[in-house]
Amino acid sequence: MAEPMDDLAGGAGAGTPRNFDLLLDVPLEVTAEIGRTRLPLRDLLQLGPGSVVELAKLAGEPLDVFVNGRLVARGEAVMVNDKFGVRLTDIVSQSERIEGLR
């Protein structure tokens, strides 16, 4: 049976300190989601410039922030040097992240 990787997992095994240096350059996909909707194909094909797609989220509700498809935080849209950004207002708890895996 293989030994656990205590230095990466933060376990107490051999007393090795947590070392995430190996992971710092791993690229992750970060997505900020304003909202979602479902459209029948016929409605999707009718969209054009000026069309409005209603999202299943109310104005003022927090944006969802995903890392590699998993919800990790919520926040609000902000402008930073003429670009959109997200100010994080809530980090998803470990128990919520684990529940999201089920």
Protein backbone atom coordinates (compact mmCIF):
# COMPACT_ATOMS: atom_id res chain seq x y z
CA MET A 1 0.00 0.00 0.00
CA ALA A 2 1.38 3.41 -0.95
CA GLU A 3 2.34 5.94 1.72
CA PRO A 4 0.18 9.10 1.86
CA MET A 5 1.72 12.27 0.48
CA ASP A 6 1.84 14.14 3.80
CA ASP A 7 3.87 17.03 2.42
CA LEU A 8 1.13 17.87 -0.12
CA ALA A 9 -1.94 16.89 1.86
CA GLY A 10 -0.86 18.63 5.04
CA GLY A 11 -0.96 15.44 7.10
CA ALA A 12 1.05 14.99 10.27
CA GLY A 13 2.85 11.82 9.04
CA ALA A 14 6.61 12.33 9.22
CA GLY A 15 6.36 15.93 10.40
CA THR A 16 7.04 17.27 6.91
CA PRO A 17 5.64 20.83 6.53
CA ARG A 18 2.92 21.47 3.96
CA ASN A 19 4.55 22.23 0.63
CA PHE A 20 2.36 23.53 -2.15
CA ASP A 21 5.29 24.87 -4.21
CA LEU A 22 4.87 22.02 -6.69
CA LEU A 23 1.28 23.08 -7.34
CA LEU A 24 1.68 26.86 -7.66
CA ASP A 25 2.14 26.78 -11.47
CA VAL A 26 -0.79 24.43 -12.16
CA PRO A 27 -3.28 26.30 -14.37
CA LEU A 28 -6.90 26.33 -13.19
CA GLU A 29 -10.01 27.48 -15.05
CA VAL A 30 -11.78 30.23 -13.11
CA THR A 31 -15.32 31.15 -14.18
CA ALA A 32 -17.58 33.90 -12.85
CA GLU A 33 -21.22 33.14 -13.63
CA ILE A 34 -23.85 35.86 -13.70
CA GLY A 35 -26.69 33.39 -14.21
CA ARG A 36 -28.03 30.53 -16.30
CA THR A 37 -31.06 29.71 -18.37
CA ARG A 38 -32.40 26.91 -20.55
CA LEU A 39 -33.64 27.67 -24.02
CA PRO A 40 -35.28 25.43 -26.59
CA LEU A 41 -33.24 25.23 -29.79
CA ARG A 42 -35.94 27.17 -31.72
CA ASP A 43 -35.57 30.13 -29.29
CA LEU A 44 -31.79 29.97 -29.43
CA LEU A 45 -31.81 30.11 -33.24
CA GLN A 46 -33.99 33.24 -33.13
CA LEU A 47 -31.46 35.23 -31.07
CA GLY A 48 -29.76 38.14 -32.75
CA PRO A 49 -28.20 41.52 -31.98
CA GLY A 50 -30.33 43.27 -29.38
CA SER A 51 -31.96 40.06 -28.13
CA VAL A 52 -32.34 39.77 -24.37
CA VAL A 53 -31.87 36.42 -22.64
CA GLU A 54 -33.52 36.28 -19.22
CA LEU A 55 -31.34 34.56 -16.62
CA ALA A 56 -32.59 32.48 -13.70
CA LYS A 57 -31.06 34.92 -11.20
CA LEU A 58 -32.35 38.18 -9.81
CA ALA A 59 -30.51 41.49 -10.27
CA GLY A 60 -28.31 42.14 -7.26
CA GLU A 61 -27.81 38.48 -6.39
CA PRO A 62 -24.18 37.43 -5.95
CA LEU A 63 -22.22 36.01 -8.87
CA ASP A 64 -21.00 32.43 -8.54
CA VAL A 65 -17.26 31.81 -8.89
CA PHE A 66 -16.18 28.35 -10.05
CA VAL A 67 -12.71 26.79 -10.19
CA ASN A 68 -12.54 23.84 -12.58
CA GLY A 69 -16.32 23.64 -12.54
CA ARG A 70 -16.69 23.60 -8.74
CA LEU A 71 -18.35 26.44 -6.83
CA VAL A 72 -15.75 28.02 -4.52
CA ALA A 73 -17.02 31.55 -3.84
CA ARG A 74 -19.65 34.19 -4.44
CA GLY A 75 -19.11 37.84 -5.21
CA GLU A 76 -20.22 41.02 -6.92
CA ALA A 77 -19.31 42.46 -10.30
CA VAL A 78 -16.93 45.43 -10.26
CA MET A 79 -15.08 47.53 -12.83
CA VAL A 80 -11.28 47.56 -12.60
CA ASN A 81 -9.44 49.73 -15.15
CA ASP A 82 -12.26 49.39 -17.72
CA LYS A 83 -12.43 45.61 -17.24
CA PHE A 84 -14.95 43.54 -15.35
CA GLY A 85 -13.85 41.85 -12.18
CA VAL A 86 -15.40 40.03 -9.23
CA ARG A 87 -15.05 41.18 -5.63
CA LEU A 88 -15.36 38.04 -3.50
CA THR A 89 -17.90 38.42 -0.72
CA ASP A 90 -18.24 34.81 0.46
CA ILE A 91 -15.97 31.77 0.26
CA VAL A 92 -17.86 28.48 0.09
CA SER A 93 -17.30 26.41 3.23
CA GLN A 94 -15.54 23.08 3.08
CA SER A 95 -18.78 21.29 3.99
CA GLU A 96 -20.62 23.03 1.10
CA ARG A 97 -17.84 22.06 -1.34
CA ILE A 98 -17.98 18.44 -0.19
CA GLU A 99 -21.79 18.43 -0.51
CA GLY A 100 -21.41 19.74 -4.08
CA LEU A 101 -19.37 16.65 -4.98
CA ARG A 102 -22.31 14.35 -4.31
